[in-house]
Protein backbone atom coordinates (compact mmCIF):
# COMPACT_ATOMS: atom_id res chain seq x y z
CA MET A 1 120.67 57.34 69.65
CA ILE A 2 118.72 60.24 68.01
CA SER A 3 116.16 59.96 70.47
CA ARG A 4 118.88 60.65 73.25
CA ILE A 5 120.13 63.63 71.46
CA ALA A 6 116.62 65.11 70.82
CA GLY A 7 115.98 64.54 74.62
CA LEU A 8 119.28 66.29 75.55
CA VAL A 9 118.26 69.19 73.16
CA VAL A 10 114.70 69.56 74.76
CA GLY A 11 116.24 69.33 78.07
CA THR A 12 119.10 71.91 77.54
CA ALA A 13 116.26 74.35 76.08
CA ALA A 14 114.15 73.97 79.15
CA ILE A 15 116.96 74.82 81.48
CA LEU A 16 118.01 77.78 79.15
CA ALA A 17 114.22 78.85 79.08
CA ALA A 18 114.09 78.67 82.88
CA ALA A 19 117.34 80.77 83.34
CA ALA A 20 116.13 83.44 81.06
CA GLY A 21 112.73 83.42 82.36
CA PRO A 22 113.01 86.32 84.72
CA SER A 23 114.35 88.80 82.04
CA LEU A 24 111.39 87.78 79.77
CA ALA A 25 108.71 87.85 82.44
CA ALA A 26 105.51 89.78 82.27
CA PRO A 27 105.23 93.07 84.03
CA ALA A 28 105.75 93.00 87.75
CA THR A 29 102.47 92.85 89.86
CA PRO A 30 102.16 95.20 92.44
CA GLU A 31 102.55 94.28 96.12
CA ALA A 32 99.79 94.67 98.72
CA VAL A 33 98.54 98.61 98.79
CA THR A 34 98.67 98.64 102.62
CA PRO A 35 102.34 97.93 104.00
CA ALA A 36 103.08 95.17 106.04
CA CYS A 37 105.80 97.01 107.88
CA LEU A 38 106.27 97.53 111.65
CA ALA A 39 106.15 101.13 112.88
CA ALA A 40 109.71 101.97 113.93
CA LEU A 41 111.17 105.45 114.33
CA ASN A 42 113.49 106.55 111.62
CA ARG A 43 113.10 103.23 109.80
CA PRO A 44 111.33 103.67 106.38
CA CYS A 45 108.92 101.24 105.24
CA ALA A 46 108.55 100.89 101.28
CA TRP A 47 105.81 99.25 99.03
CA GLN A 48 104.45 99.48 95.64
CA GLN A 49 100.79 99.75 94.32
CA ALA A 50 98.89 99.90 91.20
CA SER A 51 98.47 103.60 89.98
CA GLY A 52 95.15 105.14 90.20
CA SER A 53 94.45 104.31 86.44
CA GLY A 54 95.72 100.92 86.95
CA SER A 55 98.27 101.02 83.91
CA GLY A 56 101.37 101.42 86.16
CA ILE A 57 102.96 101.31 89.61
CA VAL A 58 103.50 103.92 92.22
CA GLY A 59 106.28 103.50 94.78
CA SER A 60 105.33 104.54 98.27
CA ALA A 61 107.03 104.73 101.56
CA ARG A 62 106.52 106.10 105.16
CA VAL A 63 109.04 106.92 107.99
CA TYR A 64 107.92 107.58 111.55
CA ALA A 65 109.68 110.26 113.50
CA ALA A 66 109.13 112.65 116.54
CA ASP A 67 107.20 115.70 115.71
CA ASP A 68 110.17 118.13 116.32
CA GLN A 69 112.77 115.95 114.31
CA LEU A 70 113.59 117.29 110.74
CA THR A 71 113.28 114.07 108.80
CA MET A 72 114.12 113.10 105.28
CA LEU A 73 112.32 110.54 103.03
CA ARG A 74 113.37 109.57 99.59
CA VAL A 75 111.39 107.02 97.57
CA GLU A 76 112.89 105.39 94.29
CA VAL A 77 111.20 103.15 91.53
CA LYS A 78 113.91 101.17 90.22
CA ILE A 79 113.86 98.59 87.21
CA GLN A 80 116.02 95.87 86.00
CA ARG A 81 116.25 95.46 82.26
CA ALA A 82 117.68 91.91 82.12
CA TRP A 83 118.47 89.30 84.75
CA GLY A 84 121.70 90.20 86.45
CA SER A 85 121.93 93.67 85.22
CA PRO A 86 122.08 96.67 87.48
CA TRP A 87 119.08 98.23 88.93
CA GLU A 88 118.32 101.64 87.38
CA THR A 89 115.99 104.45 89.07
CA VAL A 90 113.44 105.52 86.71
CA VAL A 91 111.60 107.93 89.15
CA SER A 92 112.09 109.33 92.57
CA THR A 93 110.80 111.84 94.89
CA THR A 94 112.15 113.44 98.08
CA MET A 95 110.65 115.39 100.96
CA ILE A 96 112.22 116.97 104.12
CA ARG A 97 109.89 118.31 106.88
CA SER A 98 109.39 118.00 110.52
CA GLY A 99 107.76 114.60 112.01
CA THR A 100 106.35 111.49 110.18
CA ILE A 101 106.35 111.61 106.44
CA GLN A 102 104.56 109.48 103.83
CA LEU A 103 105.37 110.01 100.31
CA SER A 104 104.63 108.51 96.82
CA THR A 105 106.19 108.68 93.43
CA PRO A 106 104.71 109.68 90.24
CA SER A 107 103.26 106.51 88.02
CA VAL A 108 105.56 104.26 86.26
CA VAL A 109 104.41 102.05 83.26
CA THR A 110 107.10 99.39 82.64
CA GLU A 111 107.54 95.62 81.58
CA TYR A 112 110.66 95.25 83.41
CA ARG A 113 111.13 93.86 87.09
CA THR A 114 110.58 96.59 89.55
CA MET A 115 111.58 97.40 92.90
CA VAL A 116 111.04 100.35 95.47
CA CYS A 117 113.63 101.72 97.74
CA ALA A 118 113.07 104.17 100.66
CA THR A 119 115.77 106.15 102.26
CA GLY A 120 114.76 107.82 105.55
CA GLY A 121 115.65 109.16 108.89
CA PRO A 122 117.13 112.37 110.28
CA ALA A 123 117.78 114.97 107.86
CA VAL A 124 120.62 116.52 109.74
CA SER A 125 122.51 113.08 109.90
CA ALA A 126 123.17 111.12 106.74
CA GLU A 127 124.80 108.38 108.71
CA GLU A 128 121.63 107.62 110.72
CA GLN A 129 119.37 107.43 107.55
CA ILE A 130 118.52 103.68 106.65
CA THR A 131 117.41 102.42 103.10
CA THR A 132 114.98 99.61 102.75
CA CYS A 133 113.68 97.98 99.41
CA THR A 134 110.94 95.63 98.38
CA ARG A 135 111.81 92.38 96.90
């Protein structure tokens, strides 16, 4: 009987540890430096990479546009402090100019889960802007 109770306690602890695992995970590892995104007009492509010093991550994005189109691109690095909690933007950068834009955020050092989101498209039409995020 005692061994059954001990087994139940160990099994429950393993399940709880697995459920809490993502919130206790080590710092997120950066995705590939080169994005694996298709070149599509007005559809941003977002990725993250190790910063130049290697101690943090940099969020990067690119949006392709016609040379005469006024284009907007915003890149955000977001963290999640605990599994299931909302994502918080910790750093972002925005650029508006004509044509294709590639942009990177300042470096972020964090132990939390990270995600990079990019919003881009025609600057004069917010309805046509698209947001994409890394996993």
